[in-house]
């Protein structure tokens, strides 16, 4: 019978490295999601955008957002900084 190395086989090391890589990638996405704006969200209205009367409380962030329309008529969402949550 052959001796087994205490450091593990190549397959065990590969599986461990793959699991570690997956954990790092998932953690990176979670951290990045805190710093990336949401879909169609902007920090300030763009040039040519039209302000609407529509405001809403974003339930996932508890922030009041104003709806703006860009040049093509697409809805954009801008934080209403001076308004408390509805």
C-alpha atoms as a PDB file:
ATOM      1  CA  UNK A   1       0.000   0.000   0.000  1.00  0.00           C
ATOM      2  CA  UNK A   2       1.219   3.503  -0.775  1.00  0.00           C
ATOM      3  CA  UNK A   3       1.632   6.305   1.671  1.00  0.00           C
ATOM      4  CA  UNK A   4      -0.921   9.079   1.622  1.00  0.00           C
ATOM      5  CA  UNK A   5       0.218  12.621   1.894  1.00  0.00           C
ATOM      6  CA  UNK A   6      -1.262  14.554   4.812  1.00  0.00           C
ATOM      7  CA  UNK A   7      -1.671  17.630   2.616  1.00  0.00           C
ATOM      8  CA  UNK A   8      -4.504  16.079   0.576  1.00  0.00           C
ATOM      9  CA  UNK A   9      -4.847  15.022  -3.009  1.00  0.00           C
ATOM     10  CA  UNK A  10      -4.800  17.306  -5.983  1.00  0.00           C
ATOM     11  CA  UNK A  11      -8.571  16.880  -6.367  1.00  0.00           C
ATOM     12  CA  UNK A  12      -9.207  17.983  -2.775  1.00  0.00           C
ATOM     13  CA  UNK A  13      -7.038  21.045  -3.293  1.00  0.00           C
ATOM     14  CA  UNK A  14      -8.819  21.909  -6.546  1.00  0.00           C
ATOM     15  CA  UNK A  15     -12.257  21.593  -4.937  1.00  0.00           C
ATOM     16  CA  UNK A  16     -11.148  23.742  -2.000  1.00  0.00           C
ATOM     17  CA  UNK A  17      -9.763  26.399  -4.352  1.00  0.00           C
ATOM     18  CA  UNK A  18     -12.982  26.378  -6.410  1.00  0.00           C
ATOM     19  CA  UNK A  19     -15.145  26.811  -3.306  1.00  0.00           C
ATOM     20  CA  UNK A  20     -12.906  29.641  -2.113  1.00  0.00           C
ATOM     21  CA  UNK A  21     -13.154  31.354  -5.500  1.00  0.00           C
ATOM     22  CA  UNK A  22     -16.953  31.075  -5.498  1.00  0.00           C
ATOM     23  CA  UNK A  23     -17.128  32.588  -2.005  1.00  0.00           C
ATOM     24  CA  UNK A  24     -14.901  35.501  -3.058  1.00  0.00           C
ATOM     25  CA  UNK A  25     -16.966  36.204  -6.208  1.00  0.00           C
ATOM     26  CA  UNK A  26     -20.292  36.120  -4.330  1.00  0.00           C
ATOM     27  CA  UNK A  27     -18.902  38.340  -1.590  1.00  0.00           C
ATOM     28  CA  UNK A  28     -17.642  40.778  -4.230  1.00  0.00           C
ATOM     29  CA  UNK A  29     -21.103  41.024  -5.814  1.00  0.00           C
ATOM     30  CA  UNK A  30     -22.749  41.615  -2.438  1.00  0.00           C
ATOM     31  CA  UNK A  31     -20.301  44.374  -1.516  1.00  0.00           C
ATOM     32  CA  UNK A  32     -20.545  45.994  -4.955  1.00  0.00           C
ATOM     33  CA  UNK A  33     -24.355  46.060  -4.770  1.00  0.00           C
ATOM     34  CA  UNK A  34     -24.137  48.523  -1.870  1.00  0.00           C
ATOM     35  CA  UNK A  35     -22.199  51.031  -3.980  1.00  0.00           C
ATOM     36  CA  UNK A  36     -23.829  50.657  -7.387  1.00  0.00           C
ATOM     37  CA  UNK A  37     -26.943  52.645  -8.258  1.00  0.00           C
ATOM     38  CA  UNK A  38     -30.103  50.758  -9.021  1.00  0.00           C
ATOM     39  CA  UNK A  39     -31.668  50.432 -12.477  1.00  0.00           C
ATOM     40  CA  UNK A  40     -32.520  53.873 -13.943  1.00  0.00           C
ATOM     41  CA  UNK A  41     -31.418  55.649 -10.754  1.00  0.00           C
ATOM     42  CA  UNK A  42     -29.333  58.810 -10.992  1.00  0.00           C
ATOM     43  CA  UNK A  43     -27.766  61.113  -8.451  1.00  0.00           C
ATOM     44  CA  UNK A  44     -28.886  64.264 -10.333  1.00  0.00           C
ATOM     45  CA  UNK A  45     -31.236  64.970 -13.233  1.00  0.00           C
ATOM     46  CA  UNK A  46     -29.563  64.945 -16.608  1.00  0.00           C
ATOM     47  CA  UNK A  47     -29.679  67.802 -19.107  1.00  0.00           C
ATOM     48  CA  UNK A  48     -33.021  67.905 -20.895  1.00  0.00           C
ATOM     49  CA  UNK A  49     -34.844  65.770 -18.328  1.00  0.00           C
ATOM     50  CA  UNK A  50     -38.391  66.804 -17.408  1.00  0.00           C
ATOM     51  CA  UNK A  51     -39.515  66.721 -13.786  1.00  0.00           C
ATOM     52  CA  UNK A  52     -42.821  64.959 -13.029  1.00  0.00           C
ATOM     53  CA  UNK A  53     -45.143  65.304 -10.041  1.00  0.00           C
ATOM     54  CA  UNK A  54     -44.629  61.631  -9.209  1.00  0.00           C
ATOM     55  CA  UNK A  55     -42.683  60.778  -6.049  1.00  0.00           C
ATOM     56  CA  UNK A  56     -42.585  57.443  -4.269  1.00  0.00           C
ATOM     57  CA  UNK A  57     -40.999  55.771  -1.290  1.00  0.00           C
ATOM     58  CA  UNK A  58     -38.595  53.079  -2.496  1.00  0.00           C
ATOM     59  CA  UNK A  59     -39.487  50.157  -0.205  1.00  0.00           C
ATOM     60  CA  UNK A  60     -36.113  48.471  -0.502  1.00  0.00           C
ATOM     61  CA  UNK A  61     -34.083  51.545   0.535  1.00  0.00           C
ATOM     62  CA  UNK A  62     -36.753  53.627   2.326  1.00  0.00           C
ATOM     63  CA  UNK A  63     -35.738  56.680   0.271  1.00  0.00           C
ATOM     64  CA  UNK A  64     -38.081  59.152  -1.417  1.00  0.00           C
ATOM     65  CA  UNK A  65     -37.470  59.186  -5.162  1.00  0.00           C
ATOM     66  CA  UNK A  66     -38.681  61.673  -7.803  1.00  0.00           C
ATOM     67  CA  UNK A  67     -39.588  60.439 -11.291  1.00  0.00           C
ATOM     68  CA  UNK A  68     -38.016  62.347 -14.191  1.00  0.00           C
ATOM     69  CA  UNK A  69     -38.394  61.744 -17.925  1.00  0.00           C
ATOM     70  CA  UNK A  70     -35.256  61.783 -20.047  1.00  0.00           C
ATOM     71  CA  UNK A  71     -35.078  63.039 -23.658  1.00  0.00           C
ATOM     72  CA  UNK A  72     -36.472  59.778 -25.030  1.00  0.00           C
ATOM     73  CA  UNK A  73     -39.350  59.675 -22.526  1.00  0.00           C
ATOM     74  CA  UNK A  74     -37.783  56.946 -20.372  1.00  0.00           C
ATOM     75  CA  UNK A  75     -38.442  57.176 -16.652  1.00  0.00           C
ATOM     76  CA  UNK A  76     -35.472  58.007 -14.417  1.00  0.00           C
ATOM     77  CA  UNK A  77     -35.402  58.091 -10.623  1.00  0.00           C
ATOM     78  CA  UNK A  78     -33.601  60.772  -8.624  1.00  0.00           C
ATOM     79  CA  UNK A  79     -33.319  60.911  -4.837  1.00  0.00           C
ATOM     80  CA  UNK A  80     -35.352  63.697  -3.202  1.00  0.00           C
ATOM     81  CA  UNK A  81     -32.725  64.632  -0.631  1.00  0.00           C
ATOM     82  CA  UNK A  82     -34.755  67.220   1.250  1.00  0.00           C
ATOM     83  CA  UNK A  83     -37.809  64.996   1.852  1.00  0.00           C
ATOM     84  CA  UNK A  84     -38.233  62.481   4.667  1.00  0.00           C
ATOM     85  CA  UNK A  85     -39.545  59.015   3.862  1.00  0.00           C
ATOM     86  CA  UNK A  86     -43.266  58.884   3.167  1.00  0.00           C
END
